[in-house]
C-alpha cells in the first residue's frame, strides 16, 4: 500500500446538517476522519453535497421576493455558489481547527467551482431533481406559467420545482485545484456537484440544474489524477439484497459485477445507486473507488473497511 495517495473524498449528507447551526456542530466531527487521512500523509481534496442548503437559500429568496421584500428571487446557479461558500467556510474552519489541534501546519481553502455540462444532455429534456418549497396546485401552475418552471407532484406533499441533473464533463477550475494540492493545501471543491455551466458563443453561462455530487467527485478525481475516490455515506459497506434476511455486505466489486448489480436493481435510485455508478465511472479510468462510512474513512483507504470498486 502506498504511503501517500491523492484522495478525493465525497461527503454524504450525513456529514452535514439540515440547518447552519446543526452543520457547524456536525462538521467538527466530520473533520476528524478527514484529518486522520491527512495525518497519514495523503493529499486530500473534499467534495460535498448541498441538497438541503441550496433548497433553503432558494426558498429564502423566493419567499422574500413573493413578500415584496426584495425585487426578484435568486437564480439557481447563484444559490449553488452561495451554498458552496458557506458550507466551504464551515468545513475549512472545522478542518483547520482539527489540524491546528494536532499540530499539523496546512492551509485549507474552498474553491468556488464551475462544472461544465453539455446543453444537449438528455437530462435537460427531462428535469428530475426536486428543489425548493412545496406548493399547492394553483400556485404551482402559476409559477409554471409565469416563470417557465417545471412543477411536479412530490410524494403527496405538494408540488415542487424540478430541475435537470446533467452529467459533468469538465471542472473549469481543475488547474487551480491541482496547483493548490501540489502546494500542500487541503482543497474543498465541486461543492453540491459544482455550479452547472454550459458553453454558449464561446462563453460559460450558468444554467438552472443540479449536478450529482458523486458524479462530479468522480470527474474531479479523474481530472486531478487521484489515486482514490472515497465516497462516504452512512453504511460501512455496499450491500446486495439490502434489508432482506440474506443481505450481503461486499468488500469489493469489479466494474462488471457492479454494473450487473445495478441492472438487477440492488441499489436504491435516490441513495446508493448514484454512488455505485460514480464509483464505476472512476474505476473505469483505472483508479480505485471506495464506498465507506465517514467514521471508517481512514480504515477504508487502508483496505480494512468499505467496498472497493475496481476494473
C-alpha atoms as a PDB file:
ATOM      1  CA  UNK A   1       0.000   0.000   0.000  1.00  0.00           C
ATOM      2  CA  UNK A   2       1.316   3.441  -0.952  1.00  0.00           C
ATOM      3  CA  UNK A   3       2.162   5.644   1.987  1.00  0.00           C
ATOM      4  CA  UNK A   4       0.958   8.778   0.207  1.00  0.00           C
ATOM      5  CA  UNK A   5      -2.085   8.933  -2.021  1.00  0.00           C
ATOM      6  CA  UNK A   6      -4.053  11.712  -3.671  1.00  0.00           C
ATOM      7  CA  UNK A   7      -7.596  11.145  -2.432  1.00  0.00           C
ATOM      8  CA  UNK A   8     -10.874  12.803  -3.423  1.00  0.00           C
ATOM      9  CA  UNK A   9     -13.436  12.462  -0.635  1.00  0.00           C
ATOM     10  CA  UNK A  10     -17.125  12.864  -1.473  1.00  0.00           C
ATOM     11  CA  UNK A  11     -19.007  13.690   1.720  1.00  0.00           C
ATOM     12  CA  UNK A  12     -22.568  12.407   2.027  1.00  0.00           C
ATOM     13  CA  UNK A  13     -25.480  14.328   3.508  1.00  0.00           C
ATOM     14  CA  UNK A  14     -24.950  12.650   6.904  1.00  0.00           C
ATOM     15  CA  UNK A  15     -21.728  14.675   7.255  1.00  0.00           C
ATOM     16  CA  UNK A  16     -23.637  17.973   7.112  1.00  0.00           C
ATOM     17  CA  UNK A  17     -26.692  19.211   8.988  1.00  0.00           C
ATOM     18  CA  UNK A  18     -30.066  20.491   7.819  1.00  0.00           C
ATOM     19  CA  UNK A  19     -29.521  23.946   9.357  1.00  0.00           C
ATOM     20  CA  UNK A  20     -26.410  26.162   9.523  1.00  0.00           C
ATOM     21  CA  UNK A  21     -26.234  25.664  13.311  1.00  0.00           C
ATOM     22  CA  UNK A  22     -26.556  21.885  13.126  1.00  0.00           C
ATOM     23  CA  UNK A  23     -23.971  21.818  10.324  1.00  0.00           C
ATOM     24  CA  UNK A  24     -21.444  23.884  12.287  1.00  0.00           C
ATOM     25  CA  UNK A  25     -21.634  21.313  15.085  1.00  0.00           C
ATOM     26  CA  UNK A  26     -21.572  18.247  12.833  1.00  0.00           C
ATOM     27  CA  UNK A  27     -18.548  19.308  10.785  1.00  0.00           C
ATOM     28  CA  UNK A  28     -16.329  19.321  13.884  1.00  0.00           C
ATOM     29  CA  UNK A  29     -16.891  15.526  13.952  1.00  0.00           C
ATOM     30  CA  UNK A  30     -16.679  15.219  10.161  1.00  0.00           C
ATOM     31  CA  UNK A  31     -13.239  16.882  10.258  1.00  0.00           C
ATOM     32  CA  UNK A  32     -11.695  14.152  12.445  1.00  0.00           C
ATOM     33  CA  UNK A  33     -11.656  11.223   9.938  1.00  0.00           C
ATOM     34  CA  UNK A  34     -10.621  13.658   7.171  1.00  0.00           C
ATOM     35  CA  UNK A  35      -7.654  14.874   9.235  1.00  0.00           C
ATOM     36  CA  UNK A  36      -6.803  11.222  10.041  1.00  0.00           C
ATOM     37  CA  UNK A  37      -6.220  10.753   6.294  1.00  0.00           C
ATOM     38  CA  UNK A  38      -4.129  13.942   6.101  1.00  0.00           C
ATOM     39  CA  UNK A  39      -2.108  12.770   9.115  1.00  0.00           C
ATOM     40  CA  UNK A  40      -1.348   9.523   7.239  1.00  0.00           C
ATOM     41  CA  UNK A  41       0.441  11.714   4.654  1.00  0.00           C
ATOM     42  CA  UNK A  42      -2.260  11.746   1.975  1.00  0.00           C
ATOM     43  CA  UNK A  43      -3.174  14.687  -0.262  1.00  0.00           C
ATOM     44  CA  UNK A  44      -6.873  15.262   0.388  1.00  0.00           C
ATOM     45  CA  UNK A  45      -9.484  17.009  -1.759  1.00  0.00           C
ATOM     46  CA  UNK A  46     -13.007  17.280  -0.373  1.00  0.00           C
ATOM     47  CA  UNK A  47     -16.301  17.424  -2.263  1.00  0.00           C
ATOM     48  CA  UNK A  48     -19.743  17.613  -0.672  1.00  0.00           C
ATOM     49  CA  UNK A  49     -23.459  17.700  -1.348  1.00  0.00           C
ATOM     50  CA  UNK A  50     -25.721  20.731  -0.850  1.00  0.00           C
ATOM     51  CA  UNK A  51     -29.305  19.448  -1.200  1.00  0.00           C
ATOM     52  CA  UNK A  52     -30.912  20.919   1.941  1.00  0.00           C
ATOM     53  CA  UNK A  53     -28.664  24.007   1.897  1.00  0.00           C
ATOM     54  CA  UNK A  54     -29.343  25.070  -1.698  1.00  0.00           C
ATOM     55  CA  UNK A  55     -33.055  24.430  -1.097  1.00  0.00           C
ATOM     56  CA  UNK A  56     -33.018  26.743   1.956  1.00  0.00           C
ATOM     57  CA  UNK A  57     -31.233  29.516   0.054  1.00  0.00           C
ATOM     58  CA  UNK A  58     -33.573  29.212  -2.928  1.00  0.00           C
ATOM     59  CA  UNK A  59     -36.648  29.179  -0.696  1.00  0.00           C
ATOM     60  CA  UNK A  60     -35.413  32.158   1.362  1.00  0.00           C
ATOM     61  CA  UNK A  61     -35.000  34.357  -1.702  1.00  0.00           C
ATOM     62  CA  UNK A  62     -38.261  33.144  -3.297  1.00  0.00           C
ATOM     63  CA  UNK A  63     -40.209  33.898  -0.098  1.00  0.00           C
ATOM     64  CA  UNK A  64     -38.597  37.338   0.205  1.00  0.00           C
ATOM     65  CA  UNK A  65     -39.441  38.099  -3.441  1.00  0.00           C
ATOM     66  CA  UNK A  66     -43.060  36.955  -3.019  1.00  0.00           C
ATOM     67  CA  UNK A  67     -43.452  39.196   0.045  1.00  0.00           C
ATOM     68  CA  UNK A  68     -42.021  42.188  -1.828  1.00  0.00           C
ATOM     69  CA  UNK A  69     -39.001  42.473   0.498  1.00  0.00           C
ATOM     70  CA  UNK A  70     -36.660  42.128  -2.497  1.00  0.00           C
ATOM     71  CA  UNK A  71     -37.244  42.729  -6.195  1.00  0.00           C
ATOM     72  CA  UNK A  72     -36.515  39.263  -7.554  1.00  0.00           C
ATOM     73  CA  UNK A  73     -35.704  35.744  -6.458  1.00  0.00           C
ATOM     74  CA  UNK A  74     -32.169  34.351  -6.830  1.00  0.00           C
ATOM     75  CA  UNK A  75     -31.205  32.368  -9.953  1.00  0.00           C
ATOM     76  CA  UNK A  76     -30.364  28.752  -9.223  1.00  0.00           C
ATOM     77  CA  UNK A  77     -26.645  28.823 -10.192  1.00  0.00           C
ATOM     78  CA  UNK A  78     -26.138  31.734  -7.747  1.00  0.00           C
ATOM     79  CA  UNK A  79     -27.900  29.736  -4.994  1.00  0.00           C
ATOM     80  CA  UNK A  80     -25.413  26.922  -5.655  1.00  0.00           C
ATOM     81  CA  UNK A  81     -22.493  29.365  -5.417  1.00  0.00           C
ATOM     82  CA  UNK A  82     -23.789  30.703  -2.082  1.00  0.00           C
ATOM     83  CA  UNK A  83     -24.088  27.157  -0.701  1.00  0.00           C
ATOM     84  CA  UNK A  84     -20.511  26.377  -1.799  1.00  0.00           C
ATOM     85  CA  UNK A  85     -19.351  29.447   0.097  1.00  0.00           C
ATOM     86  CA  UNK A  86     -20.999  28.819   3.429  1.00  0.00           C
ATOM     87  CA  UNK A  87     -20.547  25.029   3.508  1.00  0.00           C
ATOM     88  CA  UNK A  88     -16.930  25.556   2.457  1.00  0.00           C
ATOM     89  CA  UNK A  89     -16.435  28.063   5.286  1.00  0.00           C
ATOM     90  CA  UNK A  90     -17.790  25.574   7.851  1.00  0.00           C
ATOM     91  CA  UNK A  91     -15.628  22.729   6.510  1.00  0.00           C
ATOM     92  CA  UNK A  92     -12.408  24.733   6.211  1.00  0.00           C
ATOM     93  CA  UNK A  93     -12.966  26.170   9.673  1.00  0.00           C
ATOM     94  CA  UNK A  94     -13.516  22.728  11.251  1.00  0.00           C
ATOM     95  CA  UNK A  95     -10.666  21.026   9.343  1.00  0.00           C
ATOM     96  CA  UNK A  96      -8.320  23.964  10.079  1.00  0.00           C
ATOM     97  CA  UNK A  97      -9.126  23.762  13.791  1.00  0.00           C
ATOM     98  CA  UNK A  98      -8.607  19.985  13.858  1.00  0.00           C
ATOM     99  CA  UNK A  99      -5.265  20.298  12.031  1.00  0.00           C
ATOM    100  CA  UNK A 100      -4.103  23.002  14.468  1.00  0.00           C
ATOM    101  CA  UNK A 101      -5.147  20.871  17.436  1.00  0.00           C
ATOM    102  CA  UNK A 102      -2.898  18.065  16.152  1.00  0.00           C
ATOM    103  CA  UNK A 103      -0.023  20.441  15.417  1.00  0.00           C
ATOM    104  CA  UNK A 104      -0.261  19.959  11.636  1.00  0.00           C
ATOM    105  CA  UNK A 105       0.554  23.126   9.688  1.00  0.00           C
ATOM    106  CA  UNK A 106      -1.515  23.145   6.484  1.00  0.00           C
ATOM    107  CA  UNK A 107      -3.664  25.634   4.616  1.00  0.00           C
ATOM    108  CA  UNK A 108      -7.302  24.770   3.879  1.00  0.00           C
ATOM    109  CA  UNK A 109      -9.112  26.553   1.035  1.00  0.00           C
ATOM    110  CA  UNK A 110     -12.514  26.429  -0.645  1.00  0.00           C
ATOM    111  CA  UNK A 111     -12.642  26.890  -4.420  1.00  0.00           C
ATOM    112  CA  UNK A 112     -15.982  28.112  -5.783  1.00  0.00           C
ATOM    113  CA  UNK A 113     -16.229  25.706  -8.695  1.00  0.00           C
ATOM    114  CA  UNK A 114     -17.994  25.768 -12.052  1.00  0.00           C
ATOM    115  CA  UNK A 115     -18.665  22.400 -13.655  1.00  0.00           C
ATOM    116  CA  UNK A 116     -19.226  22.178 -17.397  1.00  0.00           C
ATOM    117  CA  UNK A 117     -22.235  20.243 -18.688  1.00  0.00           C
ATOM    118  CA  UNK A 118     -23.468  19.649 -22.228  1.00  0.00           C
ATOM    119  CA  UNK A 119     -26.505  21.747 -23.162  1.00  0.00           C
ATOM    120  CA  UNK A 120     -27.630  18.769 -25.305  1.00  0.00           C
ATOM    121  CA  UNK A 121     -27.545  16.394 -22.312  1.00  0.00           C
ATOM    122  CA  UNK A 122     -30.887  14.478 -22.372  1.00  0.00           C
ATOM    123  CA  UNK A 123     -31.381  15.469 -18.692  1.00  0.00           C
ATOM    124  CA  UNK A 124     -32.357  18.977 -19.863  1.00  0.00           C
ATOM    125  CA  UNK A 125     -35.402  17.479 -21.610  1.00  0.00           C
ATOM    126  CA  UNK A 126     -36.355  15.511 -18.504  1.00  0.00           C
ATOM    127  CA  UNK A 127     -35.912  17.512 -15.263  1.00  0.00           C
ATOM    128  CA  UNK A 128     -35.999  15.147 -12.275  1.00  0.00           C
ATOM    129  CA  UNK A 129     -34.260  16.831  -9.318  1.00  0.00           C
ATOM    130  CA  UNK A 130     -36.763  18.419  -6.842  1.00  0.00           C
ATOM    131  CA  UNK A 131     -35.639  21.721  -5.302  1.00  0.00           C
ATOM    132  CA  UNK A 132     -37.086  24.352  -3.007  1.00  0.00           C
ATOM    133  CA  UNK A 133     -40.511  24.634  -1.387  1.00  0.00           C
ATOM    134  CA  UNK A 134     -43.759  22.675  -1.690  1.00  0.00           C
ATOM    135  CA  UNK A 135     -46.685  24.500  -3.306  1.00  0.00           C
ATOM    136  CA  UNK A 136     -50.410  23.885  -3.688  1.00  0.00           C
ATOM    137  CA  UNK A 137     -51.525  23.026  -7.219  1.00  0.00           C
ATOM    138  CA  UNK A 138     -52.830  26.505  -8.125  1.00  0.00           C
ATOM    139  CA  UNK A 139     -49.579  28.216  -7.079  1.00  0.00           C
ATOM    140  CA  UNK A 140     -47.517  25.575  -8.881  1.00  0.00           C
ATOM    141  CA  UNK A 141     -49.477  26.211 -12.092  1.00  0.00           C
ATOM    142  CA  UNK A 142     -48.952  29.965 -11.706  1.00  0.00           C
ATOM    143  CA  UNK A 143     -45.173  29.507 -11.280  1.00  0.00           C
ATOM    144  CA  UNK A 144     -45.060  27.232 -14.324  1.00  0.00           C
ATOM    145  CA  UNK A 145     -46.961  29.864 -16.337  1.00  0.00           C
ATOM    146  CA  UNK A 146     -45.103  32.958 -15.143  1.00  0.00           C
ATOM    147  CA  UNK A 147     -41.556  31.648 -14.698  1.00  0.00           C
ATOM    148  CA  UNK A 148     -41.468  28.631 -17.003  1.00  0.00           C
ATOM    149  CA  UNK A 149     -40.675  26.270 -14.093  1.00  0.00           C
ATOM    150  CA  UNK A 150     -41.337  22.534 -14.410  1.00  0.00           C
ATOM    151  CA  UNK A 151     -43.508  21.647 -11.409  1.00  0.00           C
ATOM    152  CA  UNK A 152     -44.293  18.085 -10.326  1.00  0.00           C
ATOM    153  CA  UNK A 153     -46.327  16.488  -7.561  1.00  0.00           C
ATOM    154  CA  UNK A 154     -43.893  15.118  -4.957  1.00  0.00           C
ATOM    155  CA  UNK A 155     -44.927  12.107  -2.836  1.00  0.00           C
ATOM    156  CA  UNK A 156     -48.312  13.548  -1.853  1.00  0.00           C
ATOM    157  CA  UNK A 157     -46.709  16.520  -0.070  1.00  0.00           C
ATOM    158  CA  UNK A 158     -47.478  19.138  -2.711  1.00  0.00           C
ATOM    159  CA  UNK A 159     -45.878  20.408  -5.904  1.00  0.00           C
ATOM    160  CA  UNK A 160     -42.200  21.259  -6.263  1.00  0.00           C
ATOM    161  CA  UNK A 161     -39.987  22.659  -8.950  1.00  0.00           C
ATOM    162  CA  UNK A 162     -37.758  20.091 -10.639  1.00  0.00           C
ATOM    163  CA  UNK A 163     -34.533  20.962 -12.437  1.00  0.00           C
ATOM    164  CA  UNK A 164     -32.316  18.881 -14.749  1.00  0.00           C
ATOM    165  CA  UNK A 165     -29.445  16.760 -13.396  1.00  0.00           C
ATOM    166  CA  UNK A 166     -26.929  16.607 -16.283  1.00  0.00           C
ATOM    167  CA  UNK A 167     -23.650  14.674 -16.205  1.00  0.00           C
ATOM    168  CA  UNK A 168     -20.425  16.650 -15.556  1.00  0.00           C
ATOM    169  CA  UNK A 169     -17.953  16.752 -18.450  1.00  0.00           C
ATOM    170  CA  UNK A 170     -15.267  19.093 -17.073  1.00  0.00           C
ATOM    171  CA  UNK A 171     -14.319  21.063 -13.956  1.00  0.00           C
ATOM    172  CA  UNK A 172     -13.457  24.603 -15.032  1.00  0.00           C
ATOM    173  CA  UNK A 173     -11.134  25.301 -12.076  1.00  0.00           C
ATOM    174  CA  UNK A 174      -9.323  21.927 -12.176  1.00  0.00           C
ATOM    175  CA  UNK A 175      -5.896  23.521 -12.702  1.00  0.00           C
ATOM    176  CA  UNK A 176      -6.397  25.793  -9.685  1.00  0.00           C
ATOM    177  CA  UNK A 177      -7.291  22.733  -7.592  1.00  0.00           C
ATOM    178  CA  UNK A 178      -4.231  20.806  -8.872  1.00  0.00           C
ATOM    179  CA  UNK A 179      -1.886  23.723  -8.154  1.00  0.00           C
ATOM    180  CA  UNK A 180      -3.191  24.158  -4.600  1.00  0.00           C
ATOM    181  CA  UNK A 181      -2.965  20.420  -3.867  1.00  0.00           C
ATOM    182  CA  UNK A 182       0.598  20.248  -5.203  1.00  0.00           C
ATOM    183  CA  UNK A 183       1.487  23.098  -2.829  1.00  0.00           C
ATOM    184  CA  UNK A 184       0.158  21.074   0.110  1.00  0.00           C
ATOM    185  CA  UNK A 185      -3.235  22.791   0.532  1.00  0.00           C
ATOM    186  CA  UNK A 186      -6.315  20.837   1.609  1.00  0.00           C
ATOM    187  CA  UNK A 187      -8.920  21.821  -1.008  1.00  0.00           C
ATOM    188  CA  UNK A 188     -12.724  21.856  -0.729  1.00  0.00           C
ATOM    189  CA  UNK A 189     -14.231  21.948  -4.217  1.00  0.00           C
ATOM    190  CA  UNK A 190     -17.119  20.929  -6.561  1.00  0.00           C
ATOM    191  CA  UNK A 191     -19.486  21.654  -3.652  1.00  0.00           C
ATOM    192  CA  UNK A 192     -23.004  20.434  -4.403  1.00  0.00           C
ATOM    193  CA  UNK A 193     -21.693  18.944  -7.646  1.00  0.00           C
ATOM    194  CA  UNK A 194     -20.411  22.345  -8.759  1.00  0.00           C
ATOM    195  CA  UNK A 195     -22.184  25.306 -10.349  1.00  0.00           C
ATOM    196  CA  UNK A 196     -23.527  23.952 -13.657  1.00  0.00           C
ATOM    197  CA  UNK A 197     -22.371  25.968 -16.672  1.00  0.00           C
ATOM    198  CA  UNK A 198     -22.793  25.470 -20.414  1.00  0.00           C
ATOM    199  CA  UNK A 199     -20.645  26.903 -23.203  1.00  0.00           C
ATOM    200  CA  UNK A 200     -22.537  29.387 -25.348  1.00  0.00           C
ATOM    201  CA  UNK A 201     -20.928  31.550 -28.054  1.00  0.00           C
ATOM    202  CA  UNK A 202     -17.520  30.915 -26.508  1.00  0.00           C
ATOM    203  CA  UNK A 203     -18.664  31.947 -23.015  1.00  0.00           C
ATOM    204  CA  UNK A 204     -19.512  29.985 -19.883  1.00  0.00           C
ATOM    205  CA  UNK A 205     -23.107  30.594 -18.783  1.00  0.00           C
ATOM    206  CA  UNK A 206     -24.752  29.356 -15.571  1.00  0.00           C
ATOM    207  CA  UNK A 207     -27.753  27.085 -16.081  1.00  0.00           C
ATOM    208  CA  UNK A 208     -30.505  26.049 -13.628  1.00  0.00           C
ATOM    209  CA  UNK A 209     -29.591  22.441 -12.872  1.00  0.00           C
ATOM    210  CA  UNK A 210     -28.140  20.259 -10.097  1.00  0.00           C
ATOM    211  CA  UNK A 211     -25.172  18.001 -10.819  1.00  0.00           C
ATOM    212  CA  UNK A 212     -24.973  14.872  -8.697  1.00  0.00           C
ATOM    213  CA  UNK A 213     -22.086  15.411  -6.263  1.00  0.00           C
ATOM    214  CA  UNK A 214     -20.839  11.822  -6.571  1.00  0.00           C
ATOM    215  CA  UNK A 215     -20.563  12.090 -10.373  1.00  0.00           C
ATOM    216  CA  UNK A 216     -18.841  15.491 -10.032  1.00  0.00           C
ATOM    217  CA  UNK A 217     -16.425  13.994  -7.475  1.00  0.00           C
ATOM    218  CA  UNK A 218     -15.626  11.098  -9.850  1.00  0.00           C
ATOM    219  CA  UNK A 219     -14.974  13.533 -12.724  1.00  0.00           C
ATOM    220  CA  UNK A 220     -12.758  15.699 -10.474  1.00  0.00           C
ATOM    221  CA  UNK A 221     -10.837  12.628  -9.259  1.00  0.00           C
ATOM    222  CA  UNK A 222     -10.192  11.660 -12.884  1.00  0.00           C
ATOM    223  CA  UNK A 223      -9.061  15.195 -13.857  1.00  0.00           C
ATOM    224  CA  UNK A 224      -6.638  15.665 -10.939  1.00  0.00           C
ATOM    225  CA  UNK A 225      -5.231  12.124 -11.380  1.00  0.00           C
ATOM    226  CA  UNK A 226      -6.328  10.985  -7.923  1.00  0.00           C
ATOM    227  CA  UNK A 227      -5.228   7.556  -6.705  1.00  0.00           C
ATOM    228  CA  UNK A 228      -8.526   7.000  -4.936  1.00  0.00           C
ATOM    229  CA  UNK A 229     -12.090   8.297  -4.863  1.00  0.00           C
ATOM    230  CA  UNK A 230     -13.672   7.738  -1.444  1.00  0.00           C
ATOM    231  CA  UNK A 231     -17.464   8.150  -1.399  1.00  0.00           C
ATOM    232  CA  UNK A 232     -18.596   8.462   2.211  1.00  0.00           C
ATOM    233  CA  UNK A 233     -22.073   7.506   3.313  1.00  0.00           C
ATOM    234  CA  UNK A 234     -23.957   6.175   6.357  1.00  0.00           C
ATOM    235  CA  UNK A 235     -23.036   2.483   5.935  1.00  0.00           C
ATOM    236  CA  UNK A 236     -19.710   0.629   6.236  1.00  0.00           C
ATOM    237  CA  UNK A 237     -20.059  -1.373   3.033  1.00  0.00           C
ATOM    238  CA  UNK A 238     -22.265  -1.646  -0.044  1.00  0.00           C
ATOM    239  CA  UNK A 239     -24.843  -4.409   0.353  1.00  0.00           C
ATOM    240  CA  UNK A 240     -26.781  -6.511  -2.121  1.00  0.00           C
ATOM    241  CA  UNK A 241     -30.230  -7.841  -1.130  1.00  0.00           C
ATOM    242  CA  UNK A 242     -30.323  -4.835   1.230  1.00  0.00           C
ATOM    243  CA  UNK A 243     -32.826  -5.135   4.098  1.00  0.00           C
ATOM    244  CA  UNK A 244     -33.549  -8.814   3.366  1.00  0.00           C
ATOM    245  CA  UNK A 245     -32.636 -11.768   5.659  1.00  0.00           C
ATOM    246  CA  UNK A 246     -29.900 -12.790   3.186  1.00  0.00           C
ATOM    247  CA  UNK A 247     -28.412  -9.275   2.898  1.00  0.00           C
ATOM    248  CA  UNK A 248     -24.748  -9.477   1.884  1.00  0.00           C
ATOM    249  CA  UNK A 249     -22.066  -6.848   2.543  1.00  0.00           C
ATOM    250  CA  UNK A 250     -19.425  -6.603  -0.186  1.00  0.00           C
ATOM    251  CA  UNK A 251     -15.721  -5.959   0.422  1.00  0.00           C
ATOM    252  CA  UNK A 252     -15.076  -5.434  -3.295  1.00  0.00           C
ATOM    253  CA  UNK A 253     -16.719  -5.402  -6.723  1.00  0.00           C
ATOM    254  CA  UNK A 254     -15.263  -5.385 -10.196  1.00  0.00           C
ATOM    255  CA  UNK A 255     -16.772  -2.842 -12.585  1.00  0.00           C
ATOM    256  CA  UNK A 256     -18.530  -5.714 -14.399  1.00  0.00           C
ATOM    257  CA  UNK A 257     -20.023  -7.054 -11.155  1.00  0.00           C
ATOM    258  CA  UNK A 258     -21.131  -3.567 -10.045  1.00  0.00           C
ATOM    259  CA  UNK A 259     -22.828  -2.954 -13.399  1.00  0.00           C
ATOM    260  CA  UNK A 260     -24.604  -6.313 -13.101  1.00  0.00           C
ATOM    261  CA  UNK A 261     -25.858  -5.468  -9.581  1.00  0.00           C
ATOM    262  CA  UNK A 262     -27.121  -2.087 -10.883  1.00  0.00           C
ATOM    263  CA  UNK A 263     -29.047  -3.849 -13.680  1.00  0.00           C
ATOM    264  CA  UNK A 264     -30.532  -6.287 -11.148  1.00  0.00           C
ATOM    265  CA  UNK A 265     -31.907  -3.345  -9.121  1.00  0.00           C
ATOM    266  CA  UNK A 266     -29.926  -3.925  -5.898  1.00  0.00           C
ATOM    267  CA  UNK A 267     -29.339  -0.196  -5.235  1.00  0.00           C
ATOM    268  CA  UNK A 268     -31.944   2.490  -4.468  1.00  0.00           C
ATOM    269  CA  UNK A 269     -32.018   5.290  -7.102  1.00  0.00           C
ATOM    270  CA  UNK A 270     -32.093   8.081  -4.510  1.00  0.00           C
ATOM    271  CA  UNK A 271     -29.245   6.800  -2.341  1.00  0.00           C
ATOM    272  CA  UNK A 272     -26.765   4.009  -3.195  1.00  0.00           C
ATOM    273  CA  UNK A 273     -27.266   3.784  -6.978  1.00  0.00           C
ATOM    274  CA  UNK A 274     -25.591   7.125  -7.890  1.00  0.00           C
ATOM    275  CA  UNK A 275     -22.698   6.297  -5.528  1.00  0.00           C
ATOM    276  CA  UNK A 276     -22.086   2.934  -7.188  1.00  0.00           C
ATOM    277  CA  UNK A 277     -22.403   4.441 -10.688  1.00  0.00           C
ATOM    278  CA  UNK A 278     -19.931   7.218  -9.780  1.00  0.00           C
ATOM    279  CA  UNK A 279     -17.535   4.609  -8.360  1.00  0.00           C
ATOM    280  CA  UNK A 280     -17.833   2.639 -11.627  1.00  0.00           C
ATOM    281  CA  UNK A 281     -17.068   5.729 -13.732  1.00  0.00           C
ATOM    282  CA  UNK A 282     -13.870   6.466 -11.778  1.00  0.00           C
ATOM    283  CA  UNK A 283     -12.783   2.810 -11.649  1.00  0.00           C
ATOM    284  CA  UNK A 284     -13.143   2.652 -15.460  1.00  0.00           C
ATOM    285  CA  UNK A 285     -10.359   5.273 -15.706  1.00  0.00           C
ATOM    286  CA  UNK A 286      -8.056   2.882 -13.820  1.00  0.00           C
ATOM    287  CA  UNK A 287      -8.478   4.437 -10.369  1.00  0.00           C
ATOM    288  CA  UNK A 288      -9.648   2.814  -7.156  1.00  0.00           C
ATOM    289  CA  UNK A 289     -13.075   3.805  -5.850  1.00  0.00           C
ATOM    290  CA  UNK A 290     -14.156   3.081  -2.290  1.00  0.00           C
ATOM    291  CA  UNK A 291     -17.629   3.426  -0.761  1.00  0.00           C
ATOM    292  CA  UNK A 292     -17.454   3.539   3.044  1.00  0.00           C
ATOM    293  CA  UNK A 293     -18.820   5.148   6.193  1.00  0.00           C
ATOM    294  CA  UNK A 294     -17.480   8.516   7.318  1.00  0.00           C
ATOM    295  CA  UNK A 295     -16.126   7.225  10.641  1.00  0.00           C
ATOM    296  CA  UNK A 296     -14.227   4.400   8.920  1.00  0.00           C
ATOM    297  CA  UNK A 297     -12.715   6.504   6.110  1.00  0.00           C
ATOM    298  CA  UNK A 298      -9.161   6.006   7.352  1.00  0.00           C
ATOM    299  CA  UNK A 299      -9.579   2.232   7.618  1.00  0.00           C
ATOM    300  CA  UNK A 300     -11.242   2.107   4.193  1.00  0.00           C
ATOM    301  CA  UNK A 301      -8.249   3.769   2.498  1.00  0.00           C
ATOM    302  CA  UNK A 302      -6.009   1.120   4.125  1.00  0.00           C
ATOM    303  CA  UNK A 303      -8.333  -1.647   2.875  1.00  0.00           C
ATOM    304  CA  UNK A 304      -9.768  -2.563   6.284  1.00  0.00           C
ATOM    305  CA  UNK A 305     -13.326  -1.297   5.681  1.00  0.00           C
ATOM    306  CA  UNK A 306     -15.622  -0.161   2.895  1.00  0.00           C
ATOM    307  CA  UNK A 307     -16.322  -1.620  -0.560  1.00  0.00           C
ATOM    308  CA  UNK A 308     -13.636  -1.249  -3.237  1.00  0.00           C
ATOM    309  CA  UNK A 309     -14.710  -0.929  -6.869  1.00  0.00           C
ATOM    310  CA  UNK A 310     -12.000  -1.684  -9.434  1.00  0.00           C
ATOM    311  CA  UNK A 311     -11.508  -2.900 -13.017  1.00  0.00           C
END
